[in-house]
Amino acid sequence: MSVPRNELDGDPETLLARWPSYGPAWDAAVAAGVDVALIEENLRLTPAERLAELDRMSRLQEALRPAPPERGDVARPR
């Protein structure tokens, strides 16, 4: 998934003109700087595609998580 960087930049008025309005709460989110590009992109996916993306991101997070300290290793103050 990728959104062109220029679609995420701009002042609130420019962003409001760029994205469709789904009501006052949506407009307020855009004006507050919420990245609606990602919301729009994810809502285009089927539920199965969203779950696959969640699984992919969960595996990435797990791979990047630091290893826990080994048993017996005790951090001692210097």
PDB file of N, CA and C in Angstrom:
ATOM      1  N   MET A   1       0.840  -1.172   0.000  1.00  0.00           N
ATOM      2  CA  MET A   1       0.000   0.000   0.000  1.00  0.00           C
ATOM      3  C   MET A   1       0.884   1.234   0.000  1.00  0.00           C
ATOM      4  N   SER A   2       0.594   2.142  -0.887  1.00  0.00           N
ATOM      5  CA  SER A   2       1.331   3.394  -0.840  1.00  0.00           C
ATOM      6  C   SER A   2       0.453   4.515  -1.358  1.00  0.00           C
ATOM      7  N   VAL A   3       0.613   5.644  -0.727  1.00  0.00           N
ATOM      8  CA  VAL A   3      -0.120   6.844  -1.099  1.00  0.00           C
ATOM      9  C   VAL A   3       0.918   7.889  -1.453  1.00  0.00           C
ATOM     10  N   PRO A   4       0.770   8.549  -2.600  1.00  0.00           N
ATOM     11  CA  PRO A   4       1.750   9.578  -2.953  1.00  0.00           C
ATOM     12  C   PRO A   4       1.887  10.610  -1.845  1.00  0.00           C
ATOM     13  N   ARG A   5       3.127  10.948  -1.525  1.00  0.00           N
ATOM     14  CA  ARG A   5       3.404  11.882  -0.434  1.00  0.00           C
ATOM     15  C   ARG A   5       2.654  13.201  -0.618  1.00  0.00           C
ATOM     16  N   ASN A   6       2.519  13.668  -1.860  1.00  0.00           N
ATOM     17  CA  ASN A   6       1.857  14.959  -2.077  1.00  0.00           C
ATOM     18  C   ASN A   6       0.373  14.904  -1.732  1.00  0.00           C
ATOM     19  N   GLU A   7      -0.215  13.717  -1.638  1.00  0.00           N
ATOM     20  CA  GLU A   7      -1.622  13.624  -1.255  1.00  0.00           C
ATOM     21  C   GLU A   7      -1.809  13.739   0.249  1.00  0.00           C
ATOM     22  N   LEU A   8      -0.729  13.654   1.005  1.00  0.00           N
ATOM     23  CA  LEU A   8      -0.817  13.740   2.456  1.00  0.00           C
ATOM     24  C   LEU A   8      -0.427  15.112   2.973  1.00  0.00           C
ATOM     25  N   ASP A   9       0.192  15.917   2.129  1.00  0.00           N
ATOM     26  CA  ASP A   9       0.673  17.230   2.538  1.00  0.00           C
ATOM     27  C   ASP A   9      -0.373  18.299   2.250  1.00  0.00           C
ATOM     28  N   GLY A  10      -0.276  19.373   2.986  1.00  0.00           N
ATOM     29  CA  GLY A  10      -1.121  20.523   2.697  1.00  0.00           C
ATOM     30  C   GLY A  10      -1.815  21.046   3.930  1.00  0.00           C
ATOM     31  N   ASP A  11      -2.352  22.221   3.774  1.00  0.00           N
ATOM     32  CA  ASP A  11      -3.101  22.821   4.866  1.00  0.00           C
ATOM     33  C   ASP A  11      -4.483  22.162   4.919  1.00  0.00           C
ATOM     34  N   PRO A  12      -5.212  22.319   6.022  1.00  0.00           N
ATOM     35  CA  PRO A  12      -6.518  21.663   6.155  1.00  0.00           C
ATOM     36  C   PRO A  12      -7.490  21.963   5.013  1.00  0.00           C
ATOM     37  N   GLU A  13      -7.513  23.187   4.514  1.00  0.00           N
ATOM     38  CA  GLU A  13      -8.442  23.519   3.420  1.00  0.00           C
ATOM     39  C   GLU A  13      -8.106  22.738   2.154  1.00  0.00           C
ATOM     40  N   THR A  14      -6.815  22.611   1.854  1.00  0.00           N
ATOM     41  CA  THR A  14      -6.390  21.843   0.683  1.00  0.00           C
ATOM     42  C   THR A  14      -6.747  20.375   0.854  1.00  0.00           C
ATOM     43  N   LEU A  15      -6.502  19.840   2.050  1.00  0.00           N
ATOM     44  CA  LEU A  15      -6.820  18.431   2.308  1.00  0.00           C
ATOM     45  C   LEU A  15      -8.322  18.185   2.229  1.00  0.00           C
ATOM     46  N   LEU A  16      -9.116  19.116   2.761  1.00  0.00           N
ATOM     47  CA  LEU A  16     -10.577  18.959   2.695  1.00  0.00           C
ATOM     48  C   LEU A  16     -11.061  18.949   1.251  1.00  0.00           C
ATOM     49  N   ALA A  17     -10.411  19.726   0.397  1.00  0.00           N
ATOM     50  CA  ALA A  17     -10.798  19.753  -1.017  1.00  0.00           C
ATOM     51  C   ALA A  17     -10.359  18.478  -1.734  1.00  0.00           C
ATOM     52  N   ARG A  18      -9.314  17.833  -1.248  1.00  0.00           N
ATOM     53  CA  ARG A  18      -8.747  16.653  -1.899  1.00  0.00           C
ATOM     54  C   ARG A  18      -9.540  15.383  -1.587  1.00  0.00           C
ATOM     55  N   TRP A  19     -10.130  15.298  -0.399  1.00  0.00           N
ATOM     56  CA  TRP A  19     -10.818  14.078   0.028  1.00  0.00           C
ATOM     57  C   TRP A  19     -12.327  14.289   0.057  1.00  0.00           C
ATOM     58  N   PRO A  20     -13.102  13.248  -0.236  1.00  0.00           N
ATOM     59  CA  PRO A  20     -14.558  13.385  -0.170  1.00  0.00           C
ATOM     60  C   PRO A  20     -15.002  13.596   1.274  1.00  0.00           C
ATOM     61  N   SER A  21     -16.128  14.245   1.434  1.00  0.00           N
ATOM     62  CA  SER A  21     -16.666  14.476   2.768  1.00  0.00           C
ATOM     63  C   SER A  21     -17.658  13.376   3.111  1.00  0.00           C
ATOM     64  N   TYR A  22     -17.488  12.811   4.296  1.00  0.00           N
ATOM     65  CA  TYR A  22     -18.437  11.814   4.794  1.00  0.00           C
ATOM     66  C   TYR A  22     -19.190  12.365   5.998  1.00  0.00           C
ATOM     67  N   GLY A  23     -19.183  13.674   6.128  1.00  0.00           N
ATOM     68  CA  GLY A  23     -19.897  14.309   7.220  1.00  0.00           C
ATOM     69  C   GLY A  23     -18.974  15.157   8.070  1.00  0.00           C
ATOM     70  N   PRO A  24     -19.552  15.859   9.046  1.00  0.00           N
ATOM     71  CA  PRO A  24     -18.761  16.796   9.845  1.00  0.00           C
ATOM     72  C   PRO A  24     -17.657  16.131  10.669  1.00  0.00           C
ATOM     73  N   ALA A  25     -17.882  14.927  11.161  1.00  0.00           N
ATOM     74  CA  ALA A  25     -16.841  14.262  11.955  1.00  0.00           C
ATOM     75  C   ALA A  25     -15.635  13.928  11.078  1.00  0.00           C
ATOM     76  N   TRP A  26     -15.902  13.469   9.856  1.00  0.00           N
ATOM     77  CA  TRP A  26     -14.826  13.166   8.906  1.00  0.00           C
ATOM     78  C   TRP A  26     -14.051  14.441   8.574  1.00  0.00           C
ATOM     79  N   ASP A  27     -14.788  15.516   8.269  1.00  0.00           N
ATOM     80  CA  ASP A  27     -14.150  16.790   7.934  1.00  0.00           C
ATOM     81  C   ASP A  27     -13.297  17.302   9.096  1.00  0.00           C
ATOM     82  N   ALA A  28     -13.792  17.139  10.319  1.00  0.00           N
ATOM     83  CA  ALA A  28     -13.032  17.570  11.490  1.00  0.00           C
ATOM     84  C   ALA A  28     -11.752  16.749  11.630  1.00  0.00           C
ATOM     85  N   ALA A  29     -11.830  15.456  11.326  1.00  0.00           N
ATOM     86  CA  ALA A  29     -10.639  14.605  11.393  1.00  0.00           C
ATOM     87  C   ALA A  29      -9.606  15.053  10.363  1.00  0.00           C
ATOM     88  N   VAL A  30     -10.052  15.347   9.145  1.00  0.00           N
ATOM     89  CA  VAL A  30      -9.137  15.823   8.101  1.00  0.00           C
ATOM     90  C   VAL A  30      -8.499  17.134   8.543  1.00  0.00           C
ATOM     91  N   ALA A  31      -9.313  18.052   9.050  1.00  0.00           N
ATOM     92  CA  ALA A  31      -8.805  19.356   9.486  1.00  0.00           C
ATOM     93  C   ALA A  31      -7.823  19.216  10.647  1.00  0.00           C
ATOM     94  N   ALA A  32      -8.007  18.173  11.475  1.00  0.00           N
ATOM     95  CA  ALA A  32      -7.117  17.949  12.617  1.00  0.00           C
ATOM     96  C   ALA A  32      -5.832  17.234  12.217  1.00  0.00           C
ATOM     97  N   GLY A  33      -5.752  16.816  10.951  1.00  0.00           N
ATOM     98  CA  GLY A  33      -4.526  16.186  10.480  1.00  0.00           C
ATOM     99  C   GLY A  33      -4.540  14.670  10.465  1.00  0.00           C
ATOM    100  N   VAL A  34      -5.716  14.055  10.651  1.00  0.00           N
ATOM    101  CA  VAL A  34      -5.802  12.596  10.590  1.00  0.00           C
ATOM    102  C   VAL A  34      -5.488  12.144   9.166  1.00  0.00           C
ATOM    103  N   ASP A  35      -4.691  11.098   9.045  1.00  0.00           N
ATOM    104  CA  ASP A  35      -4.278  10.584   7.743  1.00  0.00           C
ATOM    105  C   ASP A  35      -5.404   9.742   7.146  1.00  0.00           C
ATOM    106  N   VAL A  36      -6.351  10.402   6.500  1.00  0.00           N
ATOM    107  CA  VAL A  36      -7.498   9.688   5.932  1.00  0.00           C
ATOM    108  C   VAL A  36      -7.117   8.893   4.692  1.00  0.00           C
ATOM    109  N   ALA A  37      -5.947   9.156   4.122  1.00  0.00           N
ATOM    110  CA  ALA A  37      -5.497   8.380   2.961  1.00  0.00           C
ATOM    111  C   ALA A  37      -5.378   6.911   3.337  1.00  0.00           C
ATOM    112  N   LEU A  38      -4.825   6.641   4.505  1.00  0.00           N
ATOM    113  CA  LEU A  38      -4.693   5.254   4.942  1.00  0.00           C
ATOM    114  C   LEU A  38      -6.046   4.638   5.261  1.00  0.00           C
ATOM    115  N   ILE A  39      -6.945   5.417   5.823  1.00  0.00           N
ATOM    116  CA  ILE A  39      -8.293   4.919   6.103  1.00  0.00           C
ATOM    117  C   ILE A  39      -8.985   4.570   4.799  1.00  0.00           C
ATOM    118  N   GLU A  40      -8.929   5.481   3.844  1.00  0.00           N
ATOM    119  CA  GLU A  40      -9.541   5.235   2.530  1.00  0.00           C
ATOM    120  C   GLU A  40      -8.961   3.979   1.886  1.00  0.00           C
ATOM    121  N   GLU A  41      -7.647   3.869   1.931  1.00  0.00           N
ATOM    122  CA  GLU A  41      -6.979   2.739   1.298  1.00  0.00           C
ATOM    123  C   GLU A  41      -7.380   1.415   1.956  1.00  0.00           C
ATOM    124  N   ASN A  42      -7.455   1.396   3.271  1.00  0.00           N
ATOM    125  CA  ASN A  42      -7.833   0.167   3.966  1.00  0.00           C
ATOM    126  C   ASN A  42      -9.294  -0.193   3.753  1.00  0.00           C
ATOM    127  N   LEU A  43     -10.150   0.802   3.613  1.00  0.00           N
ATOM    128  CA  LEU A  43     -11.566   0.512   3.385  1.00  0.00           C
ATOM    129  C   LEU A  43     -11.825  -0.039   1.988  1.00  0.00           C
ATOM    130  N   ARG A  44     -10.878   0.140   1.082  1.00  0.00           N
ATOM    131  CA  ARG A  44     -11.013  -0.438  -0.259  1.00  0.00           C
ATOM    132  C   ARG A  44     -10.721  -1.939  -0.260  1.00  0.00           C
ATOM    133  N   LEU A  45     -10.050  -2.424   0.784  1.00  0.00           N
ATOM    134  CA  LEU A  45      -9.699  -3.837   0.869  1.00  0.00           C
ATOM    135  C   LEU A  45     -10.901  -4.665   1.315  1.00  0.00           C
ATOM    136  N   THR A  46     -10.920  -5.913   0.897  1.00  0.00           N
ATOM    137  CA  THR A  46     -11.950  -6.835   1.387  1.00  0.00           C
ATOM    138  C   THR A  46     -11.594  -7.210   2.825  1.00  0.00           C
ATOM    139  N   PRO A  47     -12.544  -7.739   3.588  1.00  0.00           N
ATOM    140  CA  PRO A  47     -12.204  -8.190   4.944  1.00  0.00           C
ATOM    141  C   PRO A  47     -11.045  -9.197   4.952  1.00  0.00           C
ATOM    142  N   ALA A  48     -11.021 -10.112   3.992  1.00  0.00           N
ATOM    143  CA  ALA A  48      -9.930 -11.096   3.934  1.00  0.00           C
ATOM    144  C   ALA A  48      -8.591 -10.407   3.672  1.00  0.00           C
ATOM    145  N   GLU A  49      -8.587  -9.399   2.807  1.00  0.00           N
ATOM    146  CA  GLU A  49      -7.352  -8.663   2.530  1.00  0.00           C
ATOM    147  C   GLU A  49      -6.895  -7.879   3.758  1.00  0.00           C
ATOM    148  N   ARG A  50      -7.841  -7.326   4.504  1.00  0.00           N
ATOM    149  CA  ARG A  50      -7.487  -6.597   5.728  1.00  0.00           C
ATOM    150  C   ARG A  50      -6.868  -7.532   6.756  1.00  0.00           C
ATOM    151  N   LEU A  51      -7.440  -8.742   6.888  1.00  0.00           N
ATOM    152  CA  LEU A  51      -6.884  -9.714   7.832  1.00  0.00           C
ATOM    153  C   LEU A  51      -5.489 -10.162   7.405  1.00  0.00           C
ATOM    154  N   ALA A  52      -5.283 -10.344   6.108  1.00  0.00           N
ATOM    155  CA  ALA A  52      -3.958 -10.720   5.610  1.00  0.00           C
ATOM    156  C   ALA A  52      -2.951  -9.614   5.906  1.00  0.00           C
ATOM    157  N   GLU A  53      -3.362  -8.371   5.739  1.00  0.00           N
ATOM    158  CA  GLU A  53      -2.483  -7.229   6.031  1.00  0.00           C
ATOM    159  C   GLU A  53      -2.178  -7.164   7.527  1.00  0.00           C
ATOM    160  N   LEU A  54      -3.183  -7.394   8.363  1.00  0.00           N
ATOM    161  CA  LEU A  54      -2.981  -7.421   9.812  1.00  0.00           C
ATOM    162  C   LEU A  54      -1.993  -8.520  10.189  1.00  0.00           C
ATOM    163  N   ASP A  55      -2.147  -9.701   9.586  1.00  0.00           N
ATOM    164  CA  ASP A  55      -1.245 -10.815   9.861  1.00  0.00           C
ATOM    165  C   ASP A  55       0.184 -10.463   9.447  1.00  0.00           C
ATOM    166  N   ARG A  56       0.328  -9.861   8.279  1.00  0.00           N
ATOM    167  CA  ARG A  56       1.653  -9.467   7.792  1.00  0.00           C
ATOM    168  C   ARG A  56       2.308  -8.458   8.736  1.00  0.00           C
ATOM    169  N   MET A  57       1.547  -7.472   9.172  1.00  0.00           N
ATOM    170  CA  MET A  57       2.096  -6.453  10.068  1.00  0.00           C
ATOM    171  C   MET A  57       2.410  -7.036  11.447  1.00  0.00           C
ATOM    172  N   SER A  58       1.595  -7.973  11.918  1.00  0.00           N
ATOM    173  CA  SER A  58       1.852  -8.619  13.212  1.00  0.00           C
ATOM    174  C   SER A  58       3.145  -9.422  13.168  1.00  0.00           C
ATOM    175  N   ARG A  59       3.369 -10.137  12.051  1.00  0.00           N
ATOM    176  CA  ARG A  59       4.609 -10.901  11.901  1.00  0.00           C
ATOM    177  C   ARG A  59       5.817  -9.964  11.836  1.00  0.00           C
ATOM    178  N   LEU A  60       5.672  -8.834  11.168  1.00  0.00           N
ATOM    179  CA  LEU A  60       6.759  -7.860  11.106  1.00  0.00           C
ATOM    180  C   LEU A  60       7.072  -7.314  12.498  1.00  0.00           C
ATOM    181  N   GLN A  61       6.040  -6.967  13.248  1.00  0.00           N
ATOM    182  CA  GLN A  61       6.244  -6.442  14.595  1.00  0.00           C
ATOM    183  C   GLN A  61       6.960  -7.476  15.462  1.00  0.00           C
ATOM    184  N   GLU A  62       6.530  -8.723  15.365  1.00  0.00           N
ATOM    185  CA  GLU A  62       7.154  -9.782  16.158  1.00  0.00           C
ATOM    186  C   GLU A  62       8.622  -9.957  15.767  1.00  0.00           C
ATOM    187  N   ALA A  63       8.924  -9.875  14.483  1.00  0.00           N
ATOM    188  CA  ALA A  63      10.301 -10.025  14.019  1.00  0.00           C
ATOM    189  C   ALA A  63      11.184  -8.869  14.492  1.00  0.00           C
ATOM    190  N   LEU A  64      10.607  -7.693  14.652  1.00  0.00           N
ATOM    191  CA  LEU A  64      11.380  -6.517  15.057  1.00  0.00           C
ATOM    192  C   LEU A  64      11.478  -6.346  16.567  1.00  0.00           C
ATOM    193  N   ARG A  65      10.679  -7.109  17.308  1.00  0.00           N
ATOM    194  CA  ARG A  65      10.675  -6.986  18.764  1.00  0.00           C
ATOM    195  C   ARG A  65      12.014  -7.469  19.321  1.00  0.00           C
ATOM    196  N   PRO A  66      12.608  -6.725  20.254  1.00  0.00           N
ATOM    197  CA  PRO A  66      13.878  -7.163  20.835  1.00  0.00           C
ATOM    198  C   PRO A  66      13.694  -8.471  21.612  1.00  0.00           C
ATOM    199  N   ALA A  67      14.734  -9.283  21.605  1.00  0.00           N
ATOM    200  CA  ALA A  67      14.688 -10.543  22.344  1.00  0.00           C
ATOM    201  C   ALA A  67      14.674 -10.249  23.840  1.00  0.00           C
ATOM    202  N   PRO A  68      13.930 -11.050  24.605  1.00  0.00           N
ATOM    203  CA  PRO A  68      13.931 -10.837  26.057  1.00  0.00           C
ATOM    204  C   PRO A  68      15.289 -11.231  26.634  1.00  0.00           C
ATOM    205  N   PRO A  69      15.656 -10.669  27.781  1.00  0.00           N
ATOM    206  CA  PRO A  69      16.935 -11.053  28.385  1.00  0.00           C
ATOM    207  C   PRO A  69      16.906 -12.541  28.746  1.00  0.00           C
ATOM    208  N   GLU A  70      18.063 -13.180  28.654  1.00  0.00           N
ATOM    209  CA  GLU A  70      18.126 -14.600  28.987  1.00  0.00           C
ATOM    210  C   GLU A  70      17.952 -14.786  30.480  1.00  0.00           C
ATOM    211  N   ARG A  71      17.420 -15.944  30.851  1.00  0.00           N
ATOM    212  CA  ARG A  71      17.240 -16.260  32.273  1.00  0.00           C
ATOM    213  C   ARG A  71      18.585 -16.187  32.977  1.00  0.00           C
ATOM    214  N   GLY A  72      18.566 -15.656  34.153  1.00  0.00           N
ATOM    215  CA  GLY A  72      19.791 -15.554  34.927  1.00  0.00           C
ATOM    216  C   GLY A  72      20.551 -14.260  34.691  1.00  0.00           C
ATOM    217  N   ASP A  73      20.268 -13.600  33.574  1.00  0.00           N
ATOM    218  CA  ASP A  73      20.903 -12.309  33.326  1.00  0.00           C
ATOM    219  C   ASP A  73      20.176 -11.261  34.157  1.00  0.00           C
ATOM    220  N   VAL A  74      20.876 -10.708  35.084  1.00  0.00           N
ATOM    221  CA  VAL A  74      20.274  -9.695  35.941  1.00  0.00           C
ATOM    222  C   VAL A  74      21.023  -8.392  35.709  1.00  0.00           C
ATOM    223  N   ALA A  75      20.282  -7.382  35.388  1.00  0.00           N
ATOM    224  CA  ALA A  75      20.900  -6.069  35.211  1.00  0.00           C
ATOM    225  C   ALA A  75      21.283  -5.539  36.583  1.00  0.00           C
ATOM    226  N   ARG A  76      22.544  -5.213  36.722  1.00  0.00           N
ATOM    227  CA  ARG A  76      23.022  -4.695  38.003  1.00  0.00           C
ATOM    228  C   ARG A  76      23.443  -3.242  37.832  1.00  0.00           C
ATOM    229  N   PRO A  77      23.103  -2.428  38.812  1.00  0.00           N
ATOM    230  CA  PRO A  77      23.528  -1.022  38.724  1.00  0.00           C
ATOM    231  C   PRO A  77      25.042  -0.931  38.771  1.00  0.00           C
ATOM    232  N   ARG A  78      25.575   0.053  38.098  1.00  0.00           N
ATOM    233  CA  ARG A  78      27.041   0.244  38.070  1.00  0.00           C
ATOM    234  C   ARG A  78      27.498   1.103  39.193  1.00  0.00           C
TER     235      ARG A  78
END
